[in-house]
Protein backbone atom coordinates (compact mmCIF):
# COMPACT_ATOMS: atom_id res chain seq x y z
CA MET A 1 -15.01 14.83 -16.06
CA LEU A 2 -14.90 12.00 -13.50
CA SER A 3 -13.22 9.64 -15.95
CA LEU A 4 -10.49 12.22 -16.62
CA ALA A 5 -9.90 12.70 -12.88
CA VAL A 6 -9.75 8.94 -12.31
CA SER A 7 -7.30 8.51 -15.20
CA ILE A 8 -5.02 11.22 -13.82
CA ALA A 9 -5.27 9.71 -10.33
CA PHE A 10 -4.38 6.26 -11.75
CA ALA A 11 -1.22 7.70 -13.29
CA LEU A 12 -0.18 9.57 -10.15
CA VAL A 13 -0.82 6.64 -7.80
CA ALA A 14 0.99 4.27 -10.17
CA ALA A 15 4.00 6.61 -10.06
CA ALA A 16 3.79 6.57 -6.26
CA VAL A 17 3.77 2.74 -6.32
CA VAL A 18 6.90 2.70 -8.48
CA LEU A 19 8.68 5.15 -6.17
CA SER A 20 7.67 3.13 -3.10
CA LEU A 21 8.96 -0.05 -4.71
CA TRP A 22 12.23 1.67 -5.49
CA ARG A 23 12.58 2.78 -1.85
CA LEU A 24 11.68 -0.72 -0.66
CA LEU A 25 14.46 -2.24 -2.75
CA LYS A 26 17.10 0.48 -2.29
CA GLY A 27 16.31 1.66 1.25
CA PRO A 28 19.42 2.39 3.26
CA ASP A 29 18.15 0.70 6.43
CA LYS A 30 15.29 -1.36 7.82
CA PRO A 31 13.01 1.47 9.08
CA ASP A 32 13.06 3.04 5.60
CA ARG A 33 12.03 -0.26 4.08
CA ILE A 34 9.21 -0.72 6.60
CA LEU A 35 7.93 2.76 5.80
CA ALA A 36 8.16 2.00 2.07
CA LEU A 37 6.17 -1.19 2.61
CA ASP A 38 3.48 0.77 4.47
CA THR A 39 3.34 3.32 1.68
CA LEU A 40 3.19 0.55 -0.91
CA TYR A 41 0.14 -1.10 0.57
CA ILE A 42 -1.58 2.25 1.07
CA ASN A 43 -0.96 3.05 -2.60
CA THR A 44 -2.33 -0.38 -3.52
CA ILE A 45 -5.47 0.42 -1.55
CA ALA A 46 -5.76 3.70 -3.46
CA LEU A 47 -5.42 1.85 -6.78
CA LEU A 48 -8.16 -0.60 -5.80
CA VAL A 49 -10.49 2.20 -4.75
CA LEU A 50 -9.85 4.01 -8.03
CA LEU A 51 -10.50 0.80 -9.95
CA GLY A 52 -13.75 0.33 -8.03
CA ILE A 53 -14.83 3.86 -8.92
CA HIS A 54 -13.86 3.36 -12.56
CA LEU A 55 -15.68 0.03 -12.93
CA GLY A 56 -18.55 0.83 -10.57
CA SER A 57 -18.07 -2.32 -8.51
CA SER A 58 -18.09 -2.55 -4.72
CA LEU A 59 -15.99 -5.72 -4.77
CA TYR A 60 -12.81 -3.67 -5.07
CA PHE A 61 -13.69 -1.66 -1.96
CA GLU A 62 -13.96 -4.88 0.04
CA ALA A 63 -10.61 -6.04 -1.29
CA ALA A 64 -9.12 -2.69 -0.26
CA LEU A 65 -10.42 -3.20 3.28
CA LEU A 66 -8.85 -6.66 3.44
CA ILE A 67 -5.50 -5.33 2.25
CA ALA A 68 -5.68 -2.55 4.85
CA MET A 69 -6.20 -5.06 7.66
CA MET A 70 -3.46 -7.40 6.46
CA GLY A 71 -1.07 -4.50 5.94
CA PHE A 72 -1.58 -3.22 9.46
CA VAL A 73 -1.00 -6.63 11.01
CA GLY A 74 2.03 -7.21 8.79
CA THR A 75 3.59 -3.88 9.70
CA VAL A 76 3.10 -4.47 13.42
CA ALA A 77 4.60 -7.95 13.16
CA LEU A 78 7.58 -6.70 11.16
CA CYS A 79 8.27 -3.88 13.62
CA LYS A 80 8.07 -6.25 16.57
CA TYR A 81 10.44 -8.64 14.83
CA ILE A 82 12.98 -5.90 14.16
CA LEU A 83 12.76 -4.46 17.67
CA ARG A 84 12.74 -7.70 19.66
CA GLY A 85 13.84 -10.44 17.31
CA ASP A 86 10.62 -12.34 18.05
CA ILE A 87 7.02 -11.69 17.02
CA ILE A 88 5.09 -13.54 19.72
CA GLU A 89 6.31 -13.59 23.29
């Protein structure tokens, strides 16, 4: 039963990744693209967690934590750049 649920979740999260990528490339303005980038890395984290559950390895959970930290810092830096034109003042 767990393998069926993980397989369905893989398919749904993969579809979410494709839709986020589409919004990232076709977004009408910069805030939409930033939001798509946030959603993309959150979906990537979900894929890594599902892969960790499927394979029974904790290494994927650690990789998901690293991506979460880098994604947060990247989003903050990108927002500051768009708002101010400079990241570090």
